[in-house]
Amino acid sequence: MRGRIQPNDLGRVRNMSVDELLRDLEAAAVPAVMAQVRQHVTIGRQQQLPIIAYEGGQHLVTWNSGALQGDATLERLFDAVNRDPRFGPLYTRYLQNWQDAGGGLFMHYTNCNGYGLFGRFGSLEYINQPRSEAPKFDALQRWIEGR
């Protein structure tokens, strides 16, 4: 879901609640990314090429954002969003939209990385994090399992 929360948006995002950021991701980020996916699928079909996601997945990050890089308030917000149970269904819809739009192979960026490195892009915070405490990881596993 990379693409809509840009470094210059982080000041606005910094003042959001978890509810507000989840709503923003669902209302703006996912539709914007999916519009880009549909454009790429159209171009790919014209060239008879499949569309794959390399380093796909949600990236809530503060790196490359100037004064807000590593901002503790943003990092706490991003942690809370990644841990929120509502993030799982949102992520499932994102993955299903990818498939429905005609996207092919989806290589998720990483399972366990990014925590403490100016952002939240892994599906797990730590390698043995319980699936029940990792909504994004659970959504990925359910999608892989065909649920």
C-alpha atoms as a PDB file:
ATOM      1  CA  MET A   1       0.000   0.000   0.000  1.00  0.00           C
ATOM      2  CA  ARG A   2       2.896   2.207  -0.619  1.00  0.00           C
ATOM      3  CA  GLY A   3       2.360   5.386  -2.518  1.00  0.00           C
ATOM      4  CA  ARG A   4      -0.145   7.650  -0.832  1.00  0.00           C
ATOM      5  CA  ILE A   5       1.413   8.573   2.486  1.00  0.00           C
ATOM      6  CA  GLN A   6       4.388  10.481   1.193  1.00  0.00           C
ATOM      7  CA  PRO A   7       7.042  12.182   3.333  1.00  0.00           C
ATOM      8  CA  ASN A   8       5.283  15.535   2.946  1.00  0.00           C
ATOM      9  CA  ASP A   9       2.047  13.949   4.288  1.00  0.00           C
ATOM     10  CA  LEU A  10       3.641  12.769   7.527  1.00  0.00           C
ATOM     11  CA  GLY A  11       2.968  16.021   9.372  1.00  0.00           C
ATOM     12  CA  ARG A  12      -0.760  15.537   8.724  1.00  0.00           C
ATOM     13  CA  VAL A  13      -0.597  11.834   9.538  1.00  0.00           C
ATOM     14  CA  ARG A  14       1.323  12.512  12.764  1.00  0.00           C
ATOM     15  CA  ASN A  15      -1.810  14.051  14.284  1.00  0.00           C
ATOM     16  CA  MET A  16      -4.118  11.185  13.311  1.00  0.00           C
ATOM     17  CA  SER A  17      -5.580   8.573  15.589  1.00  0.00           C
ATOM     18  CA  VAL A  18      -5.377   4.884  14.696  1.00  0.00           C
ATOM     19  CA  ASP A  19      -9.011   5.070  13.534  1.00  0.00           C
ATOM     20  CA  GLU A  20      -8.284   8.057  11.308  1.00  0.00           C
ATOM     21  CA  LEU A  21      -5.217   6.479   9.729  1.00  0.00           C
ATOM     22  CA  LEU A  22      -7.027   3.191   9.059  1.00  0.00           C
ATOM     23  CA  ARG A  23      -9.881   5.140   7.434  1.00  0.00           C
ATOM     24  CA  ASP A  24      -7.378   7.129   5.372  1.00  0.00           C
ATOM     25  CA  LEU A  25      -5.627   3.973   4.205  1.00  0.00           C
ATOM     26  CA  GLU A  26      -8.933   2.396   3.199  1.00  0.00           C
ATOM     27  CA  ALA A  27     -10.444   5.503   1.592  1.00  0.00           C
ATOM     28  CA  ALA A  28      -7.371   6.932  -0.125  1.00  0.00           C
ATOM     29  CA  ALA A  29      -4.255   4.754  -0.114  1.00  0.00           C
ATOM     30  CA  VAL A  30      -5.703   1.429  -1.235  1.00  0.00           C
ATOM     31  CA  PRO A  31      -7.843   2.929  -4.031  1.00  0.00           C
ATOM     32  CA  ALA A  32      -4.890   5.019  -5.271  1.00  0.00           C
ATOM     33  CA  VAL A  33      -2.547   2.041  -5.346  1.00  0.00           C
ATOM     34  CA  MET A  34      -5.148  -0.124  -7.037  1.00  0.00           C
ATOM     35  CA  ALA A  35      -5.659   2.524  -9.726  1.00  0.00           C
ATOM     36  CA  GLN A  36      -1.917   2.323 -10.395  1.00  0.00           C
ATOM     37  CA  VAL A  37      -2.098  -1.480 -10.489  1.00  0.00           C
ATOM     38  CA  ARG A  38      -4.933  -1.399 -13.038  1.00  0.00           C
ATOM     39  CA  GLN A  39      -2.886   0.991 -15.212  1.00  0.00           C
ATOM     40  CA  HIS A  40       0.093  -1.336 -15.059  1.00  0.00           C
ATOM     41  CA  VAL A  41      -2.051  -4.379 -15.846  1.00  0.00           C
ATOM     42  CA  THR A  42      -3.424  -2.596 -18.916  1.00  0.00           C
ATOM     43  CA  ILE A  43       0.080  -1.755 -20.118  1.00  0.00           C
ATOM     44  CA  GLY A  44       1.292  -5.258 -19.333  1.00  0.00           C
ATOM     45  CA  ARG A  45      -1.524  -6.834 -21.314  1.00  0.00           C
ATOM     46  CA  GLN A  46      -0.781  -4.583 -24.276  1.00  0.00           C
ATOM     47  CA  GLN A  47       2.800  -5.852 -24.183  1.00  0.00           C
ATOM     48  CA  GLN A  48       1.757  -9.419 -23.298  1.00  0.00           C
ATOM     49  CA  LEU A  49       3.644  -9.225 -20.008  1.00  0.00           C
ATOM     50  CA  PRO A  50       2.487 -10.387 -16.586  1.00  0.00           C
ATOM     51  CA  ILE A  51       2.319  -7.915 -13.717  1.00  0.00           C
ATOM     52  CA  ILE A  52       4.182  -8.963 -10.602  1.00  0.00           C
ATOM     53  CA  ALA A  53       4.658  -7.205  -7.292  1.00  0.00           C
ATOM     54  CA  TYR A  54       8.254  -6.968  -6.186  1.00  0.00           C
ATOM     55  CA  GLU A  55       8.603  -5.774  -2.610  1.00  0.00           C
ATOM     56  CA  GLY A  56       4.817  -5.575  -2.487  1.00  0.00           C
ATOM     57  CA  GLY A  57       2.838  -4.787   0.584  1.00  0.00           C
ATOM     58  CA  GLN A  58       2.109  -2.016   3.010  1.00  0.00           C
ATOM     59  CA  HIS A  59       4.936   0.258   4.035  1.00  0.00           C
ATOM     60  CA  LEU A  60       4.272   2.796   6.777  1.00  0.00           C
ATOM     61  CA  VAL A  61       7.646   4.486   6.947  1.00  0.00           C
ATOM     62  CA  THR A  62       9.283   7.686   8.097  1.00  0.00           C
ATOM     63  CA  TRP A  63      12.634   7.260   6.370  1.00  0.00           C
ATOM     64  CA  ASN A  64      13.542   9.938   3.867  1.00  0.00           C
ATOM     65  CA  SER A  65      11.126  12.339   5.538  1.00  0.00           C
ATOM     66  CA  GLY A  66      13.487  15.001   6.828  1.00  0.00           C
ATOM     67  CA  ALA A  67      12.724  16.193  10.338  1.00  0.00           C
ATOM     68  CA  LEU A  68      10.106  13.455  10.876  1.00  0.00           C
ATOM     69  CA  GLN A  69      12.486  10.576  10.128  1.00  0.00           C
ATOM     70  CA  GLY A  70      12.274   8.223  13.086  1.00  0.00           C
ATOM     71  CA  ASP A  71       9.636  10.416  14.764  1.00  0.00           C
ATOM     72  CA  ALA A  72       8.504   8.605  17.921  1.00  0.00           C
ATOM     73  CA  THR A  73       4.874   9.720  17.594  1.00  0.00           C
ATOM     74  CA  LEU A  74       4.644   8.410  14.031  1.00  0.00           C
ATOM     75  CA  GLU A  75       6.415   5.190  14.960  1.00  0.00           C
ATOM     76  CA  ARG A  76       3.921   4.562  17.808  1.00  0.00           C
ATOM     77  CA  LEU A  77       1.023   5.278  15.447  1.00  0.00           C
ATOM     78  CA  PHE A  78       2.407   2.926  12.788  1.00  0.00           C
ATOM     79  CA  ASP A  79       2.952   0.215  15.413  1.00  0.00           C
ATOM     80  CA  ALA A  80      -0.625   0.601  16.618  1.00  0.00           C
ATOM     81  CA  VAL A  81      -2.035   0.391  13.077  1.00  0.00           C
ATOM     82  CA  ASN A  82       0.015  -2.710  12.290  1.00  0.00           C
ATOM     83  CA  ARG A  83      -1.207  -4.350  15.506  1.00  0.00           C
ATOM     84  CA  ASP A  84      -4.850  -3.328  15.129  1.00  0.00           C
ATOM     85  CA  PRO A  85      -7.150  -6.277  14.310  1.00  0.00           C
ATOM     86  CA  ARG A  86      -8.923  -4.139  11.677  1.00  0.00           C
ATOM     87  CA  PHE A  87      -5.742  -4.023   9.655  1.00  0.00           C
ATOM     88  CA  GLY A  88      -6.061  -7.716   8.753  1.00  0.00           C
ATOM     89  CA  PRO A  89      -9.340  -7.378   6.819  1.00  0.00           C
ATOM     90  CA  LEU A  90      -8.068  -4.197   5.146  1.00  0.00           C
ATOM     91  CA  TYR A  91      -4.943  -6.037   4.049  1.00  0.00           C
ATOM     92  CA  THR A  92      -7.007  -8.983   2.825  1.00  0.00           C
ATOM     93  CA  ARG A  93      -9.088  -6.615   0.660  1.00  0.00           C
ATOM     94  CA  TYR A  94      -5.880  -5.101  -0.690  1.00  0.00           C
ATOM     95  CA  LEU A  95      -4.544  -8.532  -1.690  1.00  0.00           C
ATOM     96  CA  GLN A  96      -7.871  -9.573  -3.202  1.00  0.00           C
ATOM     97  CA  ASN A  97      -8.025  -6.299  -5.148  1.00  0.00           C
ATOM     98  CA  TRP A  98      -4.550  -7.075  -6.508  1.00  0.00           C
ATOM     99  CA  GLN A  99      -5.735 -10.439  -7.728  1.00  0.00           C
ATOM    100  CA  ASP A 100      -9.041  -9.101  -9.071  1.00  0.00           C
ATOM    101  CA  ALA A 101      -7.240  -6.339 -11.000  1.00  0.00           C
ATOM    102  CA  GLY A 102      -5.182  -8.960 -12.820  1.00  0.00           C
ATOM    103  CA  GLY A 103      -2.007  -8.798 -10.787  1.00  0.00           C
ATOM    104  CA  GLY A 104       0.103 -11.926 -10.918  1.00  0.00           C
ATOM    105  CA  LEU A 105       2.850 -13.082  -8.596  1.00  0.00           C
ATOM    106  CA  PHE A 106       2.898 -11.009  -5.413  1.00  0.00           C
ATOM    107  CA  MET A 107       6.245 -11.052  -3.630  1.00  0.00           C
ATOM    108  CA  HIS A 108       5.621  -9.542  -0.237  1.00  0.00           C
ATOM    109  CA  TYR A 109       8.590  -7.488   0.884  1.00  0.00           C
ATOM    110  CA  THR A 110       9.548  -9.264   4.071  1.00  0.00           C
ATOM    111  CA  ASN A 111       8.113 -11.248   6.920  1.00  0.00           C
ATOM    112  CA  CYS A 112      10.147  -9.879   9.791  1.00  0.00           C
ATOM    113  CA  ASN A 113      11.961  -6.611   9.352  1.00  0.00           C
ATOM    114  CA  GLY A 114      11.522  -2.912   9.536  1.00  0.00           C
ATOM    115  CA  TYR A 115      10.607  -2.472  13.164  1.00  0.00           C
ATOM    116  CA  GLY A 116      12.897   0.149  14.552  1.00  0.00           C
ATOM    117  CA  LEU A 117      14.267   1.059  11.113  1.00  0.00           C
ATOM    118  CA  PHE A 118      12.140   4.146  10.507  1.00  0.00           C
ATOM    119  CA  GLY A 119       9.045   2.294   9.494  1.00  0.00           C
ATOM    120  CA  ARG A 120       6.795  -0.705   9.603  1.00  0.00           C
ATOM    121  CA  PHE A 121       6.958  -2.868   6.511  1.00  0.00           C
ATOM    122  CA  GLY A 122       7.404  -6.431   7.743  1.00  0.00           C
ATOM    123  CA  SER A 123       4.399  -8.622   8.328  1.00  0.00           C
ATOM    124  CA  LEU A 124       5.800  -9.581  11.736  1.00  0.00           C
ATOM    125  CA  GLU A 125       7.482  -7.466  14.398  1.00  0.00           C
ATOM    126  CA  TYR A 126       9.647 -10.358  15.524  1.00  0.00           C
ATOM    127  CA  ILE A 127      10.179 -13.852  14.163  1.00  0.00           C
ATOM    128  CA  ASN A 128       8.082 -15.782  16.699  1.00  0.00           C
ATOM    129  CA  GLN A 129       5.285 -13.234  17.034  1.00  0.00           C
ATOM    130  CA  PRO A 130       2.021 -15.157  17.394  1.00  0.00           C
ATOM    131  CA  ARG A 131      -0.105 -15.062  14.274  1.00  0.00           C
ATOM    132  CA  SER A 132      -3.036 -13.919  16.414  1.00  0.00           C
ATOM    133  CA  GLU A 133      -1.065 -10.755  17.305  1.00  0.00           C
ATOM    134  CA  ALA A 134       0.025  -9.959  13.740  1.00  0.00           C
ATOM    135  CA  PRO A 135      -3.032  -9.013  11.636  1.00  0.00           C
ATOM    136  CA  LYS A 136      -1.030  -8.337   8.461  1.00  0.00           C
ATOM    137  CA  PHE A 137       0.826 -11.655   8.703  1.00  0.00           C
ATOM    138  CA  ASP A 138      -2.456 -13.464   9.373  1.00  0.00           C
ATOM    139  CA  ALA A 139      -4.043 -11.813   6.313  1.00  0.00           C
ATOM    140  CA  LEU A 140      -1.090 -12.851   4.147  1.00  0.00           C
ATOM    141  CA  GLN A 141      -1.246 -16.421   5.423  1.00  0.00           C
ATOM    142  CA  ARG A 142      -5.009 -16.649   4.872  1.00  0.00           C
ATOM    143  CA  TRP A 143      -4.602 -15.322   1.330  1.00  0.00           C
ATOM    144  CA  ILE A 144      -1.814 -17.832   0.615  1.00  0.00           C
ATOM    145  CA  GLU A 145      -3.945 -20.590   2.098  1.00  0.00           C
ATOM    146  CA  GLY A 146      -6.819 -19.585  -0.187  1.00  0.00           C
ATOM    147  CA  ARG A 147      -9.259 -18.480   2.499  1.00  0.00           C
END
